[in-house]
Amino acid sequence: MTKIKYFSLISIIFSLLIAPNIAFGAASLSEDIQLELGTSIAADKPITAEIDVPSIIQLDEGFIISGENSYALEDQKLVYYWIIDGVRLSDHSSQILWRFSDPGEHVVELEISDGKKRSKTKEDIQVYQDTAIIFGKT
């Protein structure tokens, strides 16, 4: 969020919520400002990596891993760095198509950057082998 938007938000909060109460002597200015600033402005995480991926996947089944819900508050363009089972991929897209060929637990990590700041997250995925028995005609 830019500084202009930040101060505009403060002005709106003050004019709509705090100023009318001050005019009628019904509220304490310092308490209302602390409450509104603490709950209305999320500047503590300016960039956040988020992964959307199924937690259980069948062996050799293709699926999409998405980082499209990742964000930067200042609407900066994001670069995506995918790491699967400790190996960094060369694909920097917000979504990738993947397939595991080994059953068990696998780790998908996403690191994003807006050129100044970075954020990283990871998800564990269980890959299972289909154990269905196929009966054939004899």
Protein backbone atom coordinates (compact mmCIF):
# COMPACT_ATOMS: atom_id res chain seq x y z
CA MET A 1 0.00 0.00 0.00
CA THR A 2 1.46 3.35 -0.95
CA LYS A 3 1.90 6.14 1.59
CA ILE A 4 -0.83 8.18 -0.12
CA LYS A 5 -3.33 5.32 0.16
CA TYR A 6 -2.22 4.75 3.78
CA PHE A 7 -2.90 8.35 4.77
CA SER A 8 -6.16 8.38 2.81
CA LEU A 9 -7.29 5.35 4.78
CA ILE A 10 -6.39 7.09 8.05
CA SER A 11 -8.36 10.17 6.98
CA ILE A 12 -11.42 8.10 6.09
CA ILE A 13 -11.32 6.20 9.38
CA PHE A 14 -10.93 9.43 11.33
CA SER A 15 -13.71 11.28 9.52
CA LEU A 16 -16.23 8.41 9.62
CA LEU A 17 -15.60 6.81 12.99
CA ILE A 18 -13.72 9.11 15.30
CA ALA A 19 -14.66 12.70 14.43
CA PRO A 20 -18.44 12.25 14.97
CA ASN A 21 -17.79 10.80 18.43
CA ILE A 22 -15.48 13.67 19.39
CA ALA A 23 -18.09 16.23 18.35
CA PHE A 24 -20.56 14.70 20.81
CA GLY A 25 -17.96 13.98 23.50
CA ALA A 26 -18.72 10.25 23.36
CA ALA A 27 -15.28 8.76 22.73
CA SER A 28 -11.67 9.01 23.71
CA LEU A 29 -9.62 10.04 20.67
CA SER A 30 -6.46 8.11 21.57
CA GLU A 31 -8.27 4.82 22.28
CA ASP A 32 -10.23 4.92 19.01
CA ILE A 33 -7.16 5.73 16.91
CA GLN A 34 -5.18 2.86 18.44
CA LEU A 35 -8.02 0.42 17.83
CA GLU A 36 -8.59 1.49 14.23
CA LEU A 37 -4.91 1.58 13.30
CA GLY A 38 -4.29 -1.80 14.88
CA THR A 39 -7.14 -3.55 13.11
CA SER A 40 -7.42 -1.77 9.77
CA ILE A 41 -3.90 -1.60 8.38
CA ALA A 42 -1.92 -4.77 7.61
CA ALA A 43 1.54 -3.37 6.96
CA ASP A 44 3.38 -6.04 8.92
CA LYS A 45 3.58 -8.45 5.94
CA PRO A 46 4.26 -6.40 2.81
CA ILE A 47 4.88 -9.55 0.73
CA THR A 48 3.37 -13.00 1.32
CA ALA A 49 3.96 -16.31 -0.48
CA GLU A 50 0.99 -18.70 -0.60
CA ILE A 51 0.83 -22.15 -2.22
CA ASP A 52 -2.36 -23.79 -3.44
CA VAL A 53 -1.76 -27.52 -3.95
CA PRO A 54 -3.64 -30.72 -3.07
CA SER A 55 -2.26 -32.36 0.08
CA ILE A 56 -2.82 -35.91 -1.24
CA ILE A 57 -1.97 -36.89 -4.81
CA GLN A 58 -1.95 -40.15 -6.72
CA LEU A 59 1.38 -41.38 -8.08
CA ASP A 60 2.11 -40.31 -11.69
CA GLU A 61 -0.95 -38.03 -11.77
CA GLY A 62 -0.33 -34.53 -13.13
CA PHE A 63 -1.56 -31.62 -11.00
CA ILE A 64 -1.21 -27.84 -10.82
CA ILE A 65 0.76 -26.09 -8.09
CA SER A 66 -0.28 -22.46 -7.83
CA GLY A 67 1.25 -19.42 -6.19
CA GLU A 68 -1.33 -17.04 -7.65
CA ASN A 69 -2.69 -16.14 -4.18
CA SER A 70 0.73 -14.72 -3.24
CA TYR A 71 0.79 -10.96 -3.00
CA ALA A 72 2.73 -7.77 -2.35
CA LEU A 73 0.83 -4.89 -0.78
CA GLU A 74 2.31 -2.34 -3.16
CA ASP A 75 1.12 -4.34 -6.21
CA GLN A 76 4.68 -4.99 -7.34
CA LYS A 77 5.35 -7.61 -10.00
CA LEU A 78 6.34 -10.88 -8.32
CA VAL A 79 8.99 -13.39 -9.36
CA TYR A 80 8.27 -16.99 -8.33
CA TYR A 81 10.98 -19.47 -7.30
CA TRP A 82 9.76 -23.06 -6.99
CA ILE A 83 11.70 -25.67 -4.99
CA ILE A 84 10.49 -29.27 -5.06
CA ASP A 85 12.15 -31.79 -2.75
CA GLY A 86 15.12 -29.43 -2.38
CA VAL A 87 15.64 -28.83 -6.11
CA ARG A 88 15.12 -25.28 -7.44
CA LEU A 89 13.22 -25.23 -10.73
CA SER A 90 14.03 -22.91 -13.61
CA ASP A 91 10.32 -22.10 -14.16
CA HIS A 92 9.38 -18.72 -12.61
CA SER A 93 5.66 -18.88 -13.44
CA SER A 94 2.95 -18.35 -10.85
CA GLN A 95 1.63 -21.86 -11.67
CA ILE A 96 3.42 -25.05 -12.60
CA LEU A 97 2.24 -28.46 -13.76
CA TRP A 98 3.95 -31.27 -11.85
CA ARG A 99 3.93 -35.04 -11.49
CA PHE A 100 5.60 -37.18 -8.81
CA SER A 101 6.97 -40.58 -9.81
CA ASP A 102 7.87 -41.72 -6.27
CA PRO A 103 5.29 -42.43 -3.55
CA GLY A 104 5.71 -40.91 -0.08
CA GLU A 105 6.02 -37.44 1.38
CA HIS A 106 7.27 -34.62 -0.83
CA VAL A 107 7.92 -30.95 -0.04
CA VAL A 108 6.92 -28.06 -2.31
CA GLU A 109 8.39 -24.66 -1.46
CA LEU A 110 7.65 -21.28 -2.97
CA GLU A 111 9.79 -18.21 -2.57
CA ILE A 112 8.56 -14.95 -4.09
CA SER A 113 10.33 -11.65 -4.57
CA ASP A 114 9.21 -8.19 -5.63
CA GLY A 115 12.81 -7.11 -6.25
CA LYS A 116 13.22 -5.71 -2.73
CA LYS A 117 11.62 -8.15 -0.32
CA ARG A 118 11.17 -11.94 -0.22
CA SER A 119 8.71 -14.35 1.34
CA LYS A 120 8.87 -18.14 1.51
CA THR A 121 6.41 -20.90 2.39
CA LYS A 122 6.21 -24.67 2.00
CA GLU A 123 3.66 -27.44 1.84
CA ASP A 124 4.00 -31.17 2.47
CA ILE A 125 2.31 -33.45 -0.04
CA GLN A 126 1.51 -37.14 0.36
CA VAL A 127 1.83 -39.12 -2.86
CA TYR A 128 0.21 -42.53 -2.84
CA GLN A 129 0.27 -45.42 -5.24
CA ASP A 130 -3.07 -46.71 -6.46
CA THR A 131 -3.44 -50.23 -5.09
CA ALA A 132 -6.62 -51.17 -6.93
CA ILE A 133 -6.60 -54.73 -8.25
CA ILE A 134 -7.56 -55.08 -11.89
CA PHE A 135 -9.17 -58.39 -12.76
CA GLY A 136 -8.82 -59.46 -16.36
CA LYS A 137 -10.73 -62.02 -18.38
CA THR A 138 -9.08 -65.38 -18.80
